[in-house]
Each structure stands twice: as structure tokens, then as C-alpha cells.
Amino acid sequence: TFCIGLKGSPDLKAAKEVADYLGTVHHELHFTVQEGIDALEEVIYHIETYDVTTIRASTPMFLMSRKIKSLGVKMVLSGEGSDEIFGGYLYFHKAPNKKELHEETCRKIKALHLYDCLRANKATSAWGLEARVPFLDKSFINVAMDLDPECKMIRRDLGRIEKWVLRNAFDDEEKPYLPKHILYRQKEQFSDGVGYSWIDGLKDHANAHVSDSMMTNASFVYPDNTPTTKEAYYYRTVFEKFYPKNAARLTVPGGPSVACSTAKAVEWDTAWSKLLDPSGRAALGVHDAAYKEKAPASVDPAVDDVSCSPAHDVKRLKTAVSAAAV
């Protein structure tokens, strides 16, 4: 097993605990903010996007893939797709009902090739490493998307966090698959989990290279998908250096995002429009280490139909996960 992060990062700590619990041969890889910044141009060249959250997450994955390949490993399993299928991103806390949640998961799955699958494919293949994604096995997707979406609704009043139905499928008291606190650990996006100072360092780097006057004229310089932050502007300048043609820039999606959301998150909670950042820490009132702006008063989302059959659904999921991994 492999994990990467800044020293002391949340993911490194959790991964080490899981590796010890499962008895895997574990490789813990460290990088510094400066090492990540130094790799940015090469990363953007390989992943062919200027999407902010994709670049944030691709950089540590790119560095990790280089190390994995150097050890002689040719193929790895990775967890892409789980959050899209089960509504695992923190903005799903605001989903008003199961219909909207299901429709949003469908949108997220159909866009995977522009975001997480693009990252997993290109950040690894840059070094000749192959990443396989069991959660996106077609048979597993059919099982997971056939579940009553009520089972994916985040219900704090019932103790259900994000991806509850998947976690619950592997909550075995007699023969635990994972330590309980790890199994029910809050969703942590890859770009956050490698260390909170990673994103902070990227923003500082962009602020040093992009002036206020450049941002004022951003709509004239980049009329399509105009960058709204200095970080986005910086990535765009690097992308345009490698891919200057209009056909290339139009392949990258845009729009407001909070915690890896589509524009739906802002519709579900208009207060989040004040902090549009794809980091999970922008999910004010949800993430345990959210940015320090005041969080709006929150109310548990209304549920239109509590007809989930957990015992039956978790059994189906457990079987499907095992089959997909094989």
C-alpha cells in the first residue's frame, strides 16, 4: 500500500493505522510544498487541464506515481468513483431530498472523465503506471445506482454520514474490516488530506505571481472560463503555454464549485456562494476543519421518503465490492 502527504498530514496518519491493521507492506511518501510547486508545470502538461481541484490533487498523485514505478510496481488499485456513486462529497450534506441527490450523483459520474478519472489516469500513466478503479466496475455501478437513493442521504439525526451505506456494509462487529473510527472517518478530499498547508501554499505561490491588475483584466485575457481566483489564473497561464489553441481550452469544464461540487451546491445552500473553493474545507458548517468564516445556521435536509432497507442493500453492496475488487 502507498500513501503520500506532507509530514503530519491527516491521510498519512490514517493510512499508517490501516496498513498496520491489515498487515500490508506500506510505503509512506513525504513531499514538501516547494517540491509540489516545482512539479506544477510538468503536472499540467501531463494532465491537460487547468481545473483547480484536479491540479491540486494530481500533483501529489504524480509525485507518488513516480516513486511507485521506481519500486518496480506496474499496476495499482485506486478508489476513484466512490464519492460520485454514493454522494460522498461534503456538499451532499445539503441535498434537499433523495431525487436531487440521485440526479447529482448521475451528473458527477458522467463527468468523471473530466476530473478524478482524468487525474487517476494521466497522473499515473505519465510514469508508465496503470491505475485500476474497482468502484467503477460496471456491475458494481449497476448495483450501487439501483439502490434507493434514500440510503445515500446524509442524516445526522440517524447517525448517517457521507457514504453511510457503503461504510455500513463493512461494519462487522465480530470480524472488523477496519477500525471503527477509520471506517467512519469524515470525508477528506485528496488535496486536503495530503496536508492542509498544501492548498494554502499553492494560493500563496499564485498570489506572488498574479497581480491584482492581472485579475482585473482576466475576462479580456481569458474570455472563456475566465479564472476568478489568482490560483486559477496561474494554472491557466501554464496550461495556455502548452496548449494555446481554443480547442484545447474548451475541453476543460468551468463553473462555481464548493468542496468538489457542481453548481448545485450553491443552489442547495446560497450561503456557500460567499466562499467558492473546491476544497472540502469550504464546506462551512460541515467539515471539521472548515475555513474560519462564520458558518450559516444549518438544518437537517428534509426527507421525502424514508423507505431504505439497510440490511438488504448493504448485503448487495458487500457482494458487489468483493466482485469488483477481484
C-alpha atoms as a PDB file:
ATOM      1  CA  THR A   1       0.000   0.000   0.000  1.00  0.00           C
ATOM      2  CA  PHE A   2       1.090   3.563  -0.706  1.00  0.00           C
ATOM      3  CA  CYS A   3       0.230   6.975   0.719  1.00  0.00           C
ATOM      4  CA  ILE A   4       1.652  10.443   0.176  1.00  0.00           C
ATOM      5  CA  GLY A   5       1.428  13.643   2.139  1.00  0.00           C
ATOM      6  CA  LEU A   6       3.185  16.478   3.865  1.00  0.00           C
ATOM      7  CA  LYS A   7       4.710  15.398   7.170  1.00  0.00           C
ATOM      8  CA  GLY A   8       1.986  15.134   9.804  1.00  0.00           C
ATOM      9  CA  SER A   9      -0.864  15.144   7.281  1.00  0.00           C
ATOM     10  CA  PRO A  10      -4.256  13.547   8.089  1.00  0.00           C
ATOM     11  CA  ASP A  11      -4.001  10.934   5.334  1.00  0.00           C
ATOM     12  CA  LEU A  12      -0.559   9.703   6.374  1.00  0.00           C
ATOM     13  CA  LYS A  13      -1.716   9.081   9.914  1.00  0.00           C
ATOM     14  CA  ALA A  14      -4.894   7.262   8.884  1.00  0.00           C
ATOM     15  CA  ALA A  15      -3.155   5.223   6.165  1.00  0.00           C
ATOM     16  CA  LYS A  16      -0.436   4.049   8.560  1.00  0.00           C
ATOM     17  CA  GLU A  17      -3.062   2.898  11.036  1.00  0.00           C
ATOM     18  CA  VAL A  18      -4.966   0.993   8.332  1.00  0.00           C
ATOM     19  CA  ALA A  19      -1.782  -0.581   6.946  1.00  0.00           C
ATOM     20  CA  ASP A  20      -0.769  -1.779  10.406  1.00  0.00           C
ATOM     21  CA  TYR A  21      -4.266  -3.144  10.989  1.00  0.00           C
ATOM     22  CA  LEU A  22      -4.361  -5.034   7.677  1.00  0.00           C
ATOM     23  CA  GLY A  23      -0.711  -6.079   7.742  1.00  0.00           C
ATOM     24  CA  THR A  24       0.228  -4.631   4.340  1.00  0.00           C
ATOM     25  CA  VAL A  25       3.711  -3.731   3.152  1.00  0.00           C
ATOM     26  CA  HIS A  26       3.251   0.007   3.479  1.00  0.00           C
ATOM     27  CA  HIS A  27       5.181   2.818   1.810  1.00  0.00           C
ATOM     28  CA  GLU A  28       4.763   6.291   3.303  1.00  0.00           C
ATOM     29  CA  LEU A  29       5.921   9.029   0.949  1.00  0.00           C
ATOM     30  CA  HIS A  30       6.594  12.618   2.014  1.00  0.00           C
ATOM     31  CA  PHE A  31       6.760  15.722  -0.137  1.00  0.00           C
ATOM     32  CA  THR A  32       7.144  19.409   0.623  1.00  0.00           C
ATOM     33  CA  VAL A  33       5.042  22.292  -0.648  1.00  0.00           C
ATOM     34  CA  GLN A  34       8.028  23.514  -2.667  1.00  0.00           C
ATOM     35  CA  GLU A  35       8.519  20.109  -4.297  1.00  0.00           C
ATOM     36  CA  GLY A  36       4.884  20.174  -5.331  1.00  0.00           C
ATOM     37  CA  ILE A  37       5.146  23.700  -6.709  1.00  0.00           C
ATOM     38  CA  ASP A  38       8.267  22.749  -8.653  1.00  0.00           C
ATOM     39  CA  ALA A  39       6.312  19.933 -10.328  1.00  0.00           C
ATOM     40  CA  LEU A  40       3.269  22.035 -11.307  1.00  0.00           C
ATOM     41  CA  GLU A  41       4.251  22.746 -14.902  1.00  0.00           C
ATOM     42  CA  GLU A  42       5.053  19.108 -15.591  1.00  0.00           C
ATOM     43  CA  VAL A  43       1.800  18.040 -13.942  1.00  0.00           C
ATOM     44  CA  ILE A  44      -0.333  20.428 -16.003  1.00  0.00           C
ATOM     45  CA  TYR A  45       1.424  19.301 -19.164  1.00  0.00           C
ATOM     46  CA  HIS A  46       0.570  15.654 -18.460  1.00  0.00           C
ATOM     47  CA  ILE A  47      -2.985  16.004 -17.132  1.00  0.00           C
ATOM     48  CA  GLU A  48      -4.003  18.564 -19.796  1.00  0.00           C
ATOM     49  CA  THR A  49      -6.352  20.672 -17.677  1.00  0.00           C
ATOM     50  CA  TYR A  50      -6.438  23.948 -15.783  1.00  0.00           C
ATOM     51  CA  ASP A  51      -9.170  22.838 -13.370  1.00  0.00           C
ATOM     52  CA  VAL A  52      -8.093  23.942  -9.894  1.00  0.00           C
ATOM     53  CA  THR A  53      -9.068  20.951  -7.772  1.00  0.00           C
ATOM     54  CA  THR A  54      -7.746  18.476 -10.371  1.00  0.00           C
ATOM     55  CA  ILE A  55      -4.327  20.145 -10.354  1.00  0.00           C
ATOM     56  CA  ARG A  56      -4.263  20.324  -6.559  1.00  0.00           C
ATOM     57  CA  ALA A  57      -4.861  16.574  -6.292  1.00  0.00           C
ATOM     58  CA  SER A  58      -2.885  15.492  -9.366  1.00  0.00           C
ATOM     59  CA  THR A  59       0.393  16.935  -8.116  1.00  0.00           C
ATOM     60  CA  PRO A  60       0.847  14.637  -5.085  1.00  0.00           C
ATOM     61  CA  MET A  61      -0.513  11.702  -7.119  1.00  0.00           C
ATOM     62  CA  PHE A  62       2.022  12.469  -9.860  1.00  0.00           C
ATOM     63  CA  LEU A  63       4.857  12.512  -7.316  1.00  0.00           C
ATOM     64  CA  MET A  64       3.622   9.314  -5.691  1.00  0.00           C
ATOM     65  CA  SER A  65       3.309   7.532  -9.053  1.00  0.00           C
ATOM     66  CA  ARG A  66       6.942   8.291  -9.829  1.00  0.00           C
ATOM     67  CA  LYS A  67       8.010   6.644  -6.570  1.00  0.00           C
ATOM     68  CA  ILE A  68       5.713   3.640  -7.045  1.00  0.00           C
ATOM     69  CA  LYS A  69       7.078   2.999 -10.555  1.00  0.00           C
ATOM     70  CA  SER A  70      10.644   3.279  -9.281  1.00  0.00           C
ATOM     71  CA  LEU A  71       9.900   0.373  -6.938  1.00  0.00           C
ATOM     72  CA  GLY A  72       9.029  -1.826  -9.924  1.00  0.00           C
ATOM     73  CA  VAL A  73       5.246  -1.779  -9.415  1.00  0.00           C
ATOM     74  CA  LYS A  74       3.279  -1.692 -12.679  1.00  0.00           C
ATOM     75  CA  MET A  75      -0.368  -1.602 -11.547  1.00  0.00           C
ATOM     76  CA  VAL A  76      -2.250  -0.205  -8.538  1.00  0.00           C
ATOM     77  CA  LEU A  77      -5.859  -0.175  -7.326  1.00  0.00           C
ATOM     78  CA  SER A  78      -7.331   3.230  -6.530  1.00  0.00           C
ATOM     79  CA  GLY A  79     -10.645   4.397  -5.088  1.00  0.00           C
ATOM     80  CA  GLU A  80     -11.912   6.861  -7.680  1.00  0.00           C
ATOM     81  CA  GLY A  81     -15.674   6.893  -8.243  1.00  0.00           C
ATOM     82  CA  SER A  82     -16.861   6.082  -4.737  1.00  0.00           C
ATOM     83  CA  ASP A  83     -17.751   9.673  -3.822  1.00  0.00           C
ATOM     84  CA  GLU A  84     -19.586  10.214  -7.088  1.00  0.00           C
ATOM     85  CA  ILE A  85     -21.607   6.988  -6.780  1.00  0.00           C
ATOM     86  CA  PHE A  86     -22.518   7.348  -3.099  1.00  0.00           C
ATOM     87  CA  GLY A  87     -22.718  11.127  -2.709  1.00  0.00           C
ATOM     88  CA  GLY A  88     -19.584  11.204  -0.584  1.00  0.00           C
ATOM     89  CA  TYR A  89     -18.526  14.818  -1.033  1.00  0.00           C
ATOM     90  CA  LEU A  90     -19.324  17.086   1.882  1.00  0.00           C
ATOM     91  CA  TYR A  91     -21.658  19.300  -0.132  1.00  0.00           C
ATOM     92  CA  PHE A  92     -24.090  16.359  -0.285  1.00  0.00           C
ATOM     93  CA  HIS A  93     -24.943  17.223   3.329  1.00  0.00           C
ATOM     94  CA  LYS A  94     -27.102  19.927   1.787  1.00  0.00           C
ATOM     95  CA  ALA A  95     -29.003  17.690  -0.650  1.00  0.00           C
ATOM     96  CA  PRO A  96     -32.673  18.554  -0.032  1.00  0.00           C
ATOM     97  CA  ASN A  97     -34.138  15.173  -0.990  1.00  0.00           C
ATOM     98  CA  LYS A  98     -33.233  11.819  -2.474  1.00  0.00           C
ATOM     99  CA  LYS A  99     -34.332  12.753  -6.004  1.00  0.00           C
ATOM    100  CA  GLU A 100     -31.916  15.679  -6.179  1.00  0.00           C
ATOM    101  CA  LEU A 101     -29.142  13.622  -4.613  1.00  0.00           C
ATOM    102  CA  HIS A 102     -29.577  10.828  -7.163  1.00  0.00           C
ATOM    103  CA  GLU A 103     -29.639  13.247 -10.104  1.00  0.00           C
ATOM    104  CA  GLU A 104     -26.471  14.926  -8.829  1.00  0.00           C
ATOM    105  CA  THR A 105     -24.639  11.599  -8.441  1.00  0.00           C
ATOM    106  CA  CYS A 106     -25.575  10.803 -12.044  1.00  0.00           C
ATOM    107  CA  ARG A 107     -24.123  14.133 -13.192  1.00  0.00           C
ATOM    108  CA  LYS A 108     -20.942  13.514 -11.204  1.00  0.00           C
ATOM    109  CA  ILE A 109     -20.440  10.013 -12.605  1.00  0.00           C
ATOM    110  CA  LYS A 110     -20.903  11.204 -16.182  1.00  0.00           C
ATOM    111  CA  ALA A 111     -18.257  13.911 -15.659  1.00  0.00           C
ATOM    112  CA  LEU A 112     -15.623  11.670 -14.061  1.00  0.00           C
ATOM    113  CA  HIS A 113     -13.520  11.655 -17.231  1.00  0.00           C
ATOM    114  CA  LEU A 114     -13.041  15.415 -16.809  1.00  0.00           C
ATOM    115  CA  TYR A 115     -11.972  15.277 -13.161  1.00  0.00           C
ATOM    116  CA  ASP A 116     -10.993  12.330 -10.951  1.00  0.00           C
ATOM    117  CA  CYS A 117     -10.585   9.712 -13.682  1.00  0.00           C
ATOM    118  CA  LEU A 118      -8.586  12.188 -15.736  1.00  0.00           C
ATOM    119  CA  ARG A 119      -6.299  12.669 -12.729  1.00  0.00           C
ATOM    120  CA  ALA A 120      -6.020   8.964 -11.876  1.00  0.00           C
ATOM    121  CA  ASN A 121      -5.319   8.041 -15.496  1.00  0.00           C
ATOM    122  CA  LYS A 122      -2.897  10.752 -16.538  1.00  0.00           C
ATOM    123  CA  ALA A 123      -1.004  11.372 -13.283  1.00  0.00           C
ATOM    124  CA  THR A 124      -0.112   7.671 -13.157  1.00  0.00           C
ATOM    125  CA  SER A 125       0.393   6.961 -16.871  1.00  0.00           C
ATOM    126  CA  ALA A 126       2.863   9.865 -17.013  1.00  0.00           C
ATOM    127  CA  TRP A 127       5.238   7.412 -15.311  1.00  0.00           C
ATOM    128  CA  GLY A 128       4.030   4.245 -17.061  1.00  0.00           C
ATOM    129  CA  LEU A 129       1.960   3.165 -14.067  1.00  0.00           C
ATOM    130  CA  GLU A 130      -1.538   1.731 -14.540  1.00  0.00           C
ATOM    131  CA  ALA A 131      -4.321   2.632 -12.093  1.00  0.00           C
ATOM    132  CA  ARG A 132      -7.405   0.424 -11.940  1.00  0.00           C
ATOM    133  CA  VAL A 133     -10.622   1.583 -10.286  1.00  0.00           C
ATOM    134  CA  PRO A 134     -12.797  -1.208  -8.814  1.00  0.00           C
ATOM    135  CA  PHE A 135     -15.588   1.160  -7.729  1.00  0.00           C
ATOM    136  CA  LEU A 136     -16.190   1.914 -11.411  1.00  0.00           C
ATOM    137  CA  ASP A 137     -16.657  -1.725 -12.359  1.00  0.00           C
ATOM    138  CA  LYS A 138     -19.867  -1.657 -14.425  1.00  0.00           C
ATOM    139  CA  SER A 139     -21.540  -4.421 -12.434  1.00  0.00           C
ATOM    140  CA  PHE A 140     -20.797  -2.585  -9.192  1.00  0.00           C
ATOM    141  CA  ILE A 141     -22.129   0.701 -10.578  1.00  0.00           C
ATOM    142  CA  ASN A 142     -25.354  -1.064 -11.578  1.00  0.00           C
ATOM    143  CA  VAL A 143     -25.819  -2.406  -8.044  1.00  0.00           C
ATOM    144  CA  ALA A 144     -24.936   0.883  -6.325  1.00  0.00           C
ATOM    145  CA  MET A 145     -27.058   3.091  -8.581  1.00  0.00           C
ATOM    146  CA  ASP A 146     -30.008   0.692  -8.289  1.00  0.00           C
ATOM    147  CA  LEU A 147     -30.184   1.292  -4.529  1.00  0.00           C
ATOM    148  CA  ASP A 148     -32.918   3.501  -3.140  1.00  0.00           C
ATOM    149  CA  PRO A 149     -31.172   6.929  -3.015  1.00  0.00           C
ATOM    150  CA  GLU A 150     -32.626   7.357   0.469  1.00  0.00           C
ATOM    151  CA  CYS A 151     -29.804   5.077   1.675  1.00  0.00           C
ATOM    152  CA  LYS A 152     -27.296   7.664   0.431  1.00  0.00           C
ATOM    153  CA  MET A 153     -28.953  10.637   2.118  1.00  0.00           C
ATOM    154  CA  ILE A 154     -26.840  12.116   4.903  1.00  0.00           C
ATOM    155  CA  ARG A 155     -28.988  12.016   8.042  1.00  0.00           C
ATOM    156  CA  ARG A 156     -27.278  13.406  11.102  1.00  0.00           C
ATOM    157  CA  ASP A 157     -30.371  12.668  13.169  1.00  0.00           C
ATOM    158  CA  LEU A 158     -29.913   8.962  12.340  1.00  0.00           C
ATOM    159  CA  GLY A 159     -26.129   8.998  12.645  1.00  0.00           C
ATOM    160  CA  ARG A 160     -25.590   8.657   8.896  1.00  0.00           C
ATOM    161  CA  ILE A 161     -22.579  10.446   7.484  1.00  0.00           C
ATOM    162  CA  GLU A 162     -21.481  10.668   3.856  1.00  0.00           C
ATOM    163  CA  LYS A 163     -21.247   7.245   2.103  1.00  0.00           C
ATOM    164  CA  TRP A 164     -23.037   5.686   5.075  1.00  0.00           C
ATOM    165  CA  VAL A 165     -24.488   2.741   3.162  1.00  0.00           C
ATOM    166  CA  LEU A 166     -21.033   1.685   1.898  1.00  0.00           C
ATOM    167  CA  ARG A 167     -19.390   2.106   5.296  1.00  0.00           C
ATOM    168  CA  ASN A 168     -22.208   0.201   6.983  1.00  0.00           C
ATOM    169  CA  ALA A 169     -21.789  -2.717   4.565  1.00  0.00           C
ATOM    170  CA  PHE A 170     -18.326  -3.306   6.072  1.00  0.00           C
ATOM    171  CA  ASP A 171     -19.213  -2.585   9.698  1.00  0.00           C
ATOM    172  CA  ASP A 172     -18.741  -6.077  11.109  1.00  0.00           C
ATOM    173  CA  GLU A 173     -18.601  -6.247  14.901  1.00  0.00           C
ATOM    174  CA  GLU A 174     -17.304  -9.827  15.023  1.00  0.00           C
ATOM    175  CA  LYS A 175     -14.646  -9.615  12.312  1.00  0.00           C
ATOM    176  CA  PRO A 176     -13.979  -5.909  11.686  1.00  0.00           C
ATOM    177  CA  TYR A 177     -12.611  -4.989   8.266  1.00  0.00           C
ATOM    178  CA  LEU A 178     -11.258  -1.686   9.590  1.00  0.00           C
ATOM    179  CA  PRO A 179     -11.023   0.138  12.931  1.00  0.00           C
ATOM    180  CA  LYS A 180     -14.397   1.769  13.601  1.00  0.00           C
ATOM    181  CA  HIS A 181     -13.066   5.337  13.754  1.00  0.00           C
ATOM    182  CA  ILE A 182     -11.372   4.857  10.380  1.00  0.00           C
ATOM    183  CA  LEU A 183     -14.424   3.248   8.803  1.00  0.00           C
ATOM    184  CA  TYR A 184     -16.499   6.260   9.835  1.00  0.00           C
ATOM    185  CA  ARG A 185     -13.850   8.915   9.260  1.00  0.00           C
ATOM    186  CA  GLN A 186     -15.173  12.133   7.746  1.00  0.00           C
ATOM    187  CA  LYS A 187     -14.660  12.557   4.010  1.00  0.00           C
ATOM    188  CA  GLU A 188     -11.295  14.175   3.322  1.00  0.00           C
ATOM    189  CA  GLN A 189     -10.557  15.197  -0.254  1.00  0.00           C
ATOM    190  CA  PHE A 190      -7.175  14.044  -1.538  1.00  0.00           C
ATOM    191  CA  SER A 191      -5.861  17.580  -1.982  1.00  0.00           C
ATOM    192  CA  ASP A 192      -6.819  18.337   1.650  1.00  0.00           C
ATOM    193  CA  GLY A 193      -5.801  15.002   3.132  1.00  0.00           C
ATOM    194  CA  VAL A 194      -2.176  15.326   1.954  1.00  0.00           C
ATOM    195  CA  GLY A 195      -1.897  18.283   4.345  1.00  0.00           C
ATOM    196  CA  TYR A 196      -3.896  21.486   4.714  1.00  0.00           C
ATOM    197  CA  SER A 197      -0.820  23.625   4.128  1.00  0.00           C
ATOM    198  CA  TRP A 198      -0.559  22.219   0.569  1.00  0.00           C
ATOM    199  CA  ILE A 199      -3.513  24.244  -0.723  1.00  0.00           C
ATOM    200  CA  ASP A 200      -2.510  27.228   1.404  1.00  0.00           C
ATOM    201  CA  GLY A 201       0.981  27.072  -0.149  1.00  0.00           C
ATOM    202  CA  LEU A 202      -0.438  26.937  -3.664  1.00  0.00           C
ATOM    203  CA  LYS A 203      -2.541  30.024  -3.006  1.00  0.00           C
ATOM    204  CA  ASP A 204       0.458  31.892  -1.612  1.00  0.00           C
ATOM    205  CA  HIS A 205       2.529  30.910  -4.664  1.00  0.00           C
ATOM    206  CA  ALA A 206      -0.195  32.116  -7.034  1.00  0.00           C
ATOM    207  CA  ASN A 207      -0.598  35.387  -5.109  1.00  0.00           C
ATOM    208  CA  ALA A 208       3.092  36.056  -5.603  1.00  0.00           C
ATOM    209  CA  HIS A 209       2.863  35.561  -9.386  1.00  0.00           C
ATOM    210  CA  VAL A 210      -0.525  37.050 -10.266  1.00  0.00           C
ATOM    211  CA  SER A 211      -1.164  40.719  -9.578  1.00  0.00           C
ATOM    212  CA  ASP A 212      -4.465  42.456  -8.852  1.00  0.00           C
ATOM    213  CA  SER A 213      -4.299  44.233 -12.207  1.00  0.00           C
ATOM    214  CA  MET A 214      -3.949  40.889 -13.976  1.00  0.00           C
ATOM    215  CA  MET A 215      -7.130  39.709 -12.264  1.00  0.00           C
ATOM    216  CA  THR A 216      -8.925  42.909 -13.244  1.00  0.00           C
ATOM    217  CA  ASN A 217      -8.202  42.166 -16.904  1.00  0.00           C
ATOM    218  CA  ALA A 218      -8.769  38.415 -16.655  1.00  0.00           C
ATOM    219  CA  SER A 219     -12.017  38.498 -18.641  1.00  0.00           C
ATOM    220  CA  PHE A 220     -10.205  40.142 -21.561  1.00  0.00           C
ATOM    221  CA  VAL A 221      -7.217  37.813 -21.484  1.00  0.00           C
ATOM    222  CA  TYR A 222      -9.287  34.662 -20.933  1.00  0.00           C
ATOM    223  CA  PRO A 223     -12.868  35.290 -22.111  1.00  0.00           C
ATOM    224  CA  ASP A 224     -13.708  31.556 -21.994  1.00  0.00           C
ATOM    225  CA  ASN A 225     -13.872  30.070 -18.493  1.00  0.00           C
ATOM    226  CA  THR A 226     -12.471  33.274 -17.024  1.00  0.00           C
ATOM    227  CA  PRO A 227     -10.426  32.489 -13.882  1.00  0.00           C
ATOM    228  CA  THR A 228     -11.955  34.007 -10.741  1.00  0.00           C
ATOM    229  CA  THR A 229      -9.007  33.474  -8.375  1.00  0.00           C
ATOM    230  CA  LYS A 230      -5.281  34.081  -8.632  1.00  0.00           C
ATOM    231  CA  GLU A 231      -4.626  30.370  -8.245  1.00  0.00           C
ATOM    232  CA  ALA A 232      -6.908  29.583 -11.200  1.00  0.00           C
ATOM    233  CA  TYR A 233      -5.270  32.369 -13.226  1.00  0.00           C
ATOM    234  CA  TYR A 234      -1.803  30.975 -12.557  1.00  0.00           C
ATOM    235  CA  TYR A 235      -2.784  27.463 -13.678  1.00  0.00           C
ATOM    236  CA  ARG A 236      -4.397  28.906 -16.786  1.00  0.00           C
ATOM    237  CA  THR A 237      -1.210  30.695 -17.823  1.00  0.00           C
ATOM    238  CA  VAL A 238       0.752  27.445 -17.524  1.00  0.00           C
ATOM    239  CA  PHE A 239      -1.895  25.496 -19.455  1.00  0.00           C
ATOM    240  CA  GLU A 240      -2.006  28.078 -22.263  1.00  0.00           C
ATOM    241  CA  LYS A 241       1.768  27.853 -22.615  1.00  0.00           C
ATOM    242  CA  PHE A 242       1.488  24.154 -23.511  1.00  0.00           C
ATOM    243  CA  TYR A 243      -1.960  24.167 -25.150  1.00  0.00           C
ATOM    244  CA  PRO A 244      -2.633  27.591 -26.700  1.00  0.00           C
ATOM    245  CA  LYS A 245      -5.410  26.623 -29.104  1.00  0.00           C
ATOM    246  CA  ASN A 246      -9.075  27.256 -28.415  1.00  0.00           C
ATOM    247  CA  ALA A 247      -9.982  23.604 -28.991  1.00  0.00           C
ATOM    248  CA  ALA A 248      -7.800  22.656 -26.024  1.00  0.00           C
ATOM    249  CA  ARG A 249      -9.101  25.238 -23.565  1.00  0.00           C
ATOM    250  CA  LEU A 250     -12.719  24.363 -24.352  1.00  0.00           C
ATOM    251  CA  THR A 251     -12.194  20.770 -23.186  1.00  0.00           C
ATOM    252  CA  VAL A 252     -11.954  21.988 -19.573  1.00  0.00           C
ATOM    253  CA  PRO A 253     -15.221  22.475 -17.637  1.00  0.00           C
ATOM    254  CA  GLY A 254     -15.902  25.534 -15.527  1.00  0.00           C
ATOM    255  CA  GLY A 255     -18.483  26.972 -13.145  1.00  0.00           C
ATOM    256  CA  PRO A 256     -18.707  27.630  -9.381  1.00  0.00           C
ATOM    257  CA  SER A 257     -17.623  24.824  -7.056  1.00  0.00           C
ATOM    258  CA  VAL A 258     -17.649  24.188  -3.313  1.00  0.00           C
ATOM    259  CA  ALA A 259     -15.990  21.026  -1.977  1.00  0.00           C
ATOM    260  CA  CYS A 260     -15.746  19.466  -5.463  1.00  0.00           C
ATOM    261  CA  SER A 261     -19.364  20.272  -6.240  1.00  0.00           C
ATOM    262  CA  THR A 262     -21.140  21.232  -9.402  1.00  0.00           C
ATOM    263  CA  ALA A 263     -23.129  24.477  -9.285  1.00  0.00           C
ATOM    264  CA  LYS A 264     -25.819  22.515  -7.408  1.00  0.00           C
ATOM    265  CA  ALA A 265     -24.138  23.097  -4.045  1.00  0.00           C
ATOM    266  CA  VAL A 266     -24.739  26.831  -4.327  1.00  0.00           C
ATOM    267  CA  GLU A 267     -28.370  26.160  -5.210  1.00  0.00           C
ATOM    268  CA  TRP A 268     -28.766  23.906  -2.176  1.00  0.00           C
ATOM    269  CA  ASP A 269     -27.197  26.468   0.181  1.00  0.00           C
ATOM    270  CA  THR A 270     -26.805  30.011  -1.136  1.00  0.00           C
ATOM    271  CA  ALA A 271     -24.591  30.927   1.843  1.00  0.00           C
ATOM    272  CA  TRP A 272     -21.807  28.834   0.276  1.00  0.00           C
ATOM    273  CA  SER A 273     -21.623  31.232  -2.660  1.00  0.00           C
ATOM    274  CA  LYS A 274     -19.575  33.517  -0.391  1.00  0.00           C
ATOM    275  CA  LEU A 275     -16.692  31.018  -0.338  1.00  0.00           C
ATOM    276  CA  LEU A 276     -16.381  29.336  -3.704  1.00  0.00           C
ATOM    277  CA  ASP A 277     -13.420  26.998  -3.334  1.00  0.00           C
ATOM    278  CA  PRO A 278     -13.226  23.329  -4.387  1.00  0.00           C
ATOM    279  CA  SER A 279     -11.511  22.401  -1.112  1.00  0.00           C
ATOM    280  CA  GLY A 280     -13.558  20.325   1.317  1.00  0.00           C
ATOM    281  CA  ARG A 281     -12.759  22.948   3.948  1.00  0.00           C
ATOM    282  CA  ALA A 282     -15.035  25.335   2.060  1.00  0.00           C
ATOM    283  CA  ALA A 283     -17.998  23.256   3.257  1.00  0.00           C
ATOM    284  CA  LEU A 284     -18.764  25.636   6.091  1.00  0.00           C
ATOM    285  CA  GLY A 285     -20.655  24.087   8.964  1.00  0.00           C
ATOM    286  CA  VAL A 286     -19.832  20.572   7.703  1.00  0.00           C
ATOM    287  CA  HIS A 287     -16.052  19.989   7.558  1.00  0.00           C
ATOM    288  CA  ASP A 288     -14.485  19.568  10.995  1.00  0.00           C
ATOM    289  CA  ALA A 289     -11.582  21.832   9.959  1.00  0.00           C
ATOM    290  CA  ALA A 290     -13.529  24.262   7.770  1.00  0.00           C
ATOM    291  CA  TYR A 291     -12.209  27.699   6.887  1.00  0.00           C
ATOM    292  CA  LYS A 292     -12.823  30.172   9.685  1.00  0.00           C
ATOM    293  CA  GLU A 293     -15.626  32.185   8.121  1.00  0.00           C
ATOM    294  CA  LYS A 294     -18.860  32.085  10.077  1.00  0.00           C
ATOM    295  CA  ALA A 295     -20.988  29.132   9.104  1.00  0.00           C
ATOM    296  CA  PRO A 296     -24.675  29.723   8.358  1.00  0.00           C
ATOM    297  CA  ALA A 297     -27.291  28.131  10.551  1.00  0.00           C
ATOM    298  CA  SER A 298     -27.935  24.673   9.200  1.00  0.00           C
ATOM    299  CA  VAL A 299     -30.984  22.490   9.237  1.00  0.00           C
ATOM    300  CA  ASP A 300     -31.008  18.784   8.513  1.00  0.00           C
ATOM    301  CA  PRO A 301     -32.296  18.254   4.969  1.00  0.00           C
ATOM    302  CA  ALA A 302     -35.915  17.262   4.633  1.00  0.00           C
ATOM    303  CA  VAL A 303     -36.518  13.676   3.604  1.00  0.00           C
ATOM    304  CA  ASP A 304     -39.439  12.866   1.382  1.00  0.00           C
ATOM    305  CA  ASP A 305     -39.452   9.099   1.773  1.00  0.00           C
ATOM    306  CA  VAL A 306     -37.719   7.000   4.409  1.00  0.00           C
ATOM    307  CA  SER A 307     -38.090   3.624   2.737  1.00  0.00           C
ATOM    308  CA  CYS A 308     -34.474   2.427   2.700  1.00  0.00           C
ATOM    309  CA  SER A 309     -33.897  -1.233   3.537  1.00  0.00           C
ATOM    310  CA  PRO A 310     -30.363  -1.111   5.007  1.00  0.00           C
ATOM    311  CA  ALA A 311     -29.867  -4.828   5.720  1.00  0.00           C
ATOM    312  CA  HIS A 312     -30.741  -5.870   2.175  1.00  0.00           C
ATOM    313  CA  ASP A 313     -28.836  -3.036   0.497  1.00  0.00           C
ATOM    314  CA  VAL A 314     -25.615  -3.410   2.485  1.00  0.00           C
ATOM    315  CA  LYS A 315     -25.535  -7.138   1.722  1.00  0.00           C
ATOM    316  CA  ARG A 316     -25.804  -6.397  -2.012  1.00  0.00           C
ATOM    317  CA  LEU A 317     -23.087  -3.749  -1.754  1.00  0.00           C
ATOM    318  CA  LYS A 318     -20.718  -6.017   0.147  1.00  0.00           C
ATOM    319  CA  THR A 319     -21.036  -8.725  -2.509  1.00  0.00           C
ATOM    320  CA  ALA A 320     -20.612  -6.220  -5.329  1.00  0.00           C
ATOM    321  CA  VAL A 321     -17.482  -4.636  -3.792  1.00  0.00           C
ATOM    322  CA  SER A 322     -15.834  -8.044  -3.417  1.00  0.00           C
ATOM    323  CA  ALA A 323     -16.620  -8.966  -7.011  1.00  0.00           C
ATOM    324  CA  ALA A 324     -15.369  -5.621  -8.364  1.00  0.00           C
ATOM    325  CA  ALA A 325     -12.074  -5.884  -6.476  1.00  0.00           C
ATOM    326  CA  VAL A 326     -11.466  -9.354  -7.872  1.00  0.00           C
END
